[in-house]
């Protein structure tokens, strides 16, 4: 098991799939869950940054609720 400061690079190119289709109804907001901000960035931005730090060859974002807002962000 790798810990955050001990991430090993994979032998093959890494591809990432990010599930970003939630409504976020428990957040009591009309904004899609992944567009809420934490530490000055969207939740989706944090995940995309992690993918970049892992040198992901490709990151695919699966959208659903609020897809147009998510894709525009």
N, C-alpha and C. Protein backbone atom coordinates (compact mmCIF):
# COMPACT_ATOMS: atom_id res chain seq x y z
N UNK A 1 0.84 -1.18 0.00
CA UNK A 1 0.00 0.00 0.00
C UNK A 1 0.89 1.24 0.00
N UNK A 2 0.62 2.16 -0.91
CA UNK A 2 1.41 3.39 -1.00
C UNK A 2 0.75 4.50 -0.19
N UNK A 3 1.55 5.22 0.53
CA UNK A 3 1.06 6.38 1.27
C UNK A 3 1.34 7.62 0.44
N UNK A 4 0.62 8.73 0.67
CA UNK A 4 0.75 9.91 -0.18
C UNK A 4 2.17 10.37 -0.45
N UNK A 5 3.06 10.27 0.53
CA UNK A 5 4.43 10.71 0.29
C UNK A 5 5.33 9.60 -0.24
N UNK A 6 4.73 8.45 -0.56
CA UNK A 6 5.50 7.31 -1.05
C UNK A 6 4.89 6.75 -2.34
N UNK A 7 4.33 7.60 -3.17
CA UNK A 7 3.68 7.14 -4.40
C UNK A 7 4.74 6.66 -5.37
N UNK A 8 4.53 5.47 -5.91
CA UNK A 8 5.46 4.91 -6.89
C UNK A 8 4.89 5.11 -8.29
N UNK A 9 5.76 5.43 -9.22
CA UNK A 9 5.34 5.60 -10.60
C UNK A 9 5.04 4.22 -11.21
N UNK A 10 3.92 4.11 -11.94
CA UNK A 10 3.57 2.83 -12.56
C UNK A 10 4.51 2.50 -13.72
N UNK A 11 4.61 1.21 -14.05
CA UNK A 11 5.45 0.77 -15.16
C UNK A 11 4.86 1.18 -16.50
N UNK A 12 3.54 1.26 -16.57
CA UNK A 12 2.85 1.63 -17.80
C UNK A 12 2.20 2.99 -17.61
N UNK A 13 1.92 3.71 -18.71
CA UNK A 13 1.26 5.02 -18.58
C UNK A 13 -0.05 4.90 -17.79
N UNK A 14 -0.26 5.84 -16.90
CA UNK A 14 -1.44 5.85 -16.05
C UNK A 14 -2.55 6.66 -16.71
N UNK A 15 -3.74 6.11 -16.74
CA UNK A 15 -4.92 6.82 -17.21
C UNK A 15 -5.90 6.88 -16.05
N UNK A 16 -6.56 8.03 -15.88
CA UNK A 16 -7.42 8.27 -14.73
C UNK A 16 -8.85 8.52 -15.18
N UNK A 17 -9.80 7.91 -14.48
CA UNK A 17 -11.22 8.18 -14.71
C UNK A 17 -11.76 8.82 -13.44
N UNK A 18 -12.36 10.01 -13.59
CA UNK A 18 -12.88 10.75 -12.44
C UNK A 18 -14.40 10.81 -12.55
N UNK A 19 -15.06 10.26 -11.56
CA UNK A 19 -16.52 10.28 -11.52
C UNK A 19 -16.97 11.62 -10.94
N UNK A 20 -17.56 12.47 -11.78
CA UNK A 20 -17.95 13.82 -11.36
C UNK A 20 -19.41 14.08 -11.74
N UNK A 21 -20.27 13.12 -11.44
CA UNK A 21 -21.66 13.21 -11.88
C UNK A 21 -22.66 13.40 -10.75
N UNK A 22 -22.18 13.56 -9.52
CA UNK A 22 -23.09 13.64 -8.38
C UNK A 22 -23.85 14.95 -8.29
N UNK A 23 -25.06 14.87 -7.77
CA UNK A 23 -25.88 16.07 -7.59
C UNK A 23 -25.43 16.89 -6.38
N UNK A 24 -24.96 16.24 -5.37
CA UNK A 24 -24.55 16.95 -4.16
C UNK A 24 -25.74 17.43 -3.34
N UNK A 25 -26.84 16.68 -3.36
CA UNK A 25 -28.06 17.11 -2.66
C UNK A 25 -27.84 17.27 -1.16
N UNK A 26 -26.99 16.46 -0.57
CA UNK A 26 -26.74 16.59 0.87
C UNK A 26 -25.96 17.86 1.20
N UNK A 27 -25.39 18.49 0.19
CA UNK A 27 -24.67 19.74 0.39
C UNK A 27 -25.62 20.93 0.36
N UNK A 28 -26.89 20.66 0.03
CA UNK A 28 -27.94 21.69 -0.02
C UNK A 28 -27.52 22.87 -0.88
N UNK A 29 -27.12 22.56 -2.11
CA UNK A 29 -26.66 23.58 -3.04
C UNK A 29 -27.10 23.21 -4.45
N UNK A 30 -27.28 24.20 -5.28
CA UNK A 30 -27.61 23.93 -6.68
C UNK A 30 -26.34 23.73 -7.50
N UNK A 31 -25.20 24.04 -6.92
CA UNK A 31 -23.92 23.87 -7.59
C UNK A 31 -23.53 22.39 -7.58
N UNK A 32 -23.05 21.85 -8.72
CA UNK A 32 -22.60 20.46 -8.71
C UNK A 32 -21.52 20.25 -7.63
N UNK A 33 -21.58 19.12 -6.98
CA UNK A 33 -20.69 18.81 -5.85
C UNK A 33 -19.22 19.07 -6.17
N UNK A 34 -18.76 18.67 -7.34
CA UNK A 34 -17.34 18.78 -7.67
C UNK A 34 -16.88 20.21 -7.90
N UNK A 35 -17.83 21.16 -7.98
CA UNK A 35 -17.46 22.56 -8.19
C UNK A 35 -17.41 23.36 -6.89
N UNK A 36 -17.72 22.72 -5.77
CA UNK A 36 -17.57 23.40 -4.49
C UNK A 36 -16.08 23.61 -4.24
N UNK A 37 -15.78 24.70 -3.55
CA UNK A 37 -14.38 25.06 -3.33
C UNK A 37 -13.89 24.61 -1.96
N UNK A 38 -12.64 24.22 -1.94
CA UNK A 38 -11.95 23.84 -0.71
C UNK A 38 -10.51 24.33 -0.85
N UNK A 39 -10.09 25.19 0.02
CA UNK A 39 -8.73 25.70 -0.06
C UNK A 39 -8.47 26.52 -1.32
N UNK A 40 -9.50 27.20 -1.81
CA UNK A 40 -9.32 28.07 -2.98
C UNK A 40 -9.45 27.39 -4.33
N UNK A 41 -9.66 26.08 -4.34
CA UNK A 41 -9.81 25.34 -5.60
C UNK A 41 -11.05 24.48 -5.53
N UNK A 42 -11.58 24.12 -6.70
CA UNK A 42 -12.74 23.23 -6.72
C UNK A 42 -12.29 21.82 -6.31
N UNK A 43 -13.25 21.03 -5.84
CA UNK A 43 -12.94 19.64 -5.50
C UNK A 43 -12.39 18.91 -6.72
N UNK A 44 -12.99 19.17 -7.88
CA UNK A 44 -12.51 18.55 -9.12
C UNK A 44 -11.08 19.01 -9.42
N UNK A 45 -10.79 20.27 -9.18
CA UNK A 45 -9.44 20.78 -9.39
C UNK A 45 -8.41 20.05 -8.55
N UNK A 46 -8.76 19.73 -7.31
CA UNK A 46 -7.86 18.97 -6.44
C UNK A 46 -7.56 17.60 -7.04
N UNK A 47 -8.60 16.93 -7.54
CA UNK A 47 -8.43 15.59 -8.10
C UNK A 47 -7.60 15.66 -9.38
N UNK A 48 -7.87 16.64 -10.23
CA UNK A 48 -7.09 16.79 -11.47
C UNK A 48 -5.63 17.10 -11.17
N UNK A 49 -5.37 17.90 -10.14
CA UNK A 49 -3.99 18.17 -9.74
C UNK A 49 -3.29 16.90 -9.29
N UNK A 50 -3.99 16.05 -8.56
CA UNK A 50 -3.41 14.76 -8.13
C UNK A 50 -3.07 13.91 -9.34
N UNK A 51 -3.96 13.88 -10.32
CA UNK A 51 -3.70 13.11 -11.54
C UNK A 51 -2.46 13.65 -12.25
N UNK A 52 -2.32 14.96 -12.30
CA UNK A 52 -1.15 15.57 -12.94
C UNK A 52 0.13 15.23 -12.18
N UNK A 53 0.07 15.23 -10.85
CA UNK A 53 1.24 14.89 -10.04
C UNK A 53 1.67 13.45 -10.25
N UNK A 54 0.71 12.61 -10.62
CA UNK A 54 1.02 11.20 -10.90
C UNK A 54 1.45 10.99 -12.34
N UNK A 55 1.59 12.09 -13.09
CA UNK A 55 1.97 12.06 -14.51
C UNK A 55 1.00 11.22 -15.33
N UNK A 56 -0.29 11.38 -15.05
CA UNK A 56 -1.31 10.64 -15.80
C UNK A 56 -1.25 11.02 -17.27
N UNK A 57 -1.28 10.01 -18.12
CA UNK A 57 -1.27 10.22 -19.57
C UNK A 57 -2.57 10.90 -20.00
N UNK A 58 -3.66 10.51 -19.34
CA UNK A 58 -4.97 11.05 -19.70
C UNK A 58 -5.87 11.00 -18.48
N UNK A 59 -6.72 12.02 -18.35
CA UNK A 59 -7.73 12.04 -17.29
C UNK A 59 -9.08 12.25 -17.96
N UNK A 60 -9.99 11.32 -17.74
CA UNK A 60 -11.34 11.40 -18.30
C UNK A 60 -12.28 11.74 -17.16
N UNK A 61 -13.07 12.81 -17.35
CA UNK A 61 -14.02 13.24 -16.33
C UNK A 61 -15.41 12.84 -16.77
N UNK A 62 -16.06 11.96 -16.01
CA UNK A 62 -17.42 11.52 -16.29
C UNK A 62 -18.37 12.51 -15.63
N UNK A 63 -19.18 13.17 -16.43
CA UNK A 63 -20.11 14.16 -15.89
C UNK A 63 -21.55 13.67 -16.02
N UNK A 64 -22.40 14.26 -15.25
CA UNK A 64 -23.83 13.93 -15.28
C UNK A 64 -24.59 15.18 -14.91
N UNK A 65 -25.03 15.25 -13.66
CA UNK A 65 -25.75 16.42 -13.17
C UNK A 65 -24.87 17.66 -13.29
N UNK A 66 -25.37 18.69 -13.93
CA UNK A 66 -24.61 19.93 -14.08
C UNK A 66 -23.44 19.81 -15.02
N UNK A 67 -23.55 18.90 -15.99
CA UNK A 67 -22.43 18.64 -16.90
C UNK A 67 -21.91 19.90 -17.58
N UNK A 68 -22.82 20.76 -18.01
CA UNK A 68 -22.38 21.97 -18.70
C UNK A 68 -21.55 22.86 -17.78
N UNK A 69 -21.95 22.97 -16.51
CA UNK A 69 -21.19 23.76 -15.54
C UNK A 69 -19.82 23.14 -15.28
N UNK A 70 -19.80 21.83 -15.12
CA UNK A 70 -18.55 21.12 -14.82
C UNK A 70 -17.59 21.25 -16.01
N UNK A 71 -18.10 21.04 -17.21
CA UNK A 71 -17.24 21.11 -18.40
C UNK A 71 -16.74 22.52 -18.65
N UNK A 72 -17.49 23.53 -18.24
CA UNK A 72 -17.08 24.92 -18.43
C UNK A 72 -16.03 25.35 -17.40
N UNK A 73 -15.96 24.63 -16.29
CA UNK A 73 -15.07 25.04 -15.18
C UNK A 73 -13.64 24.67 -15.41
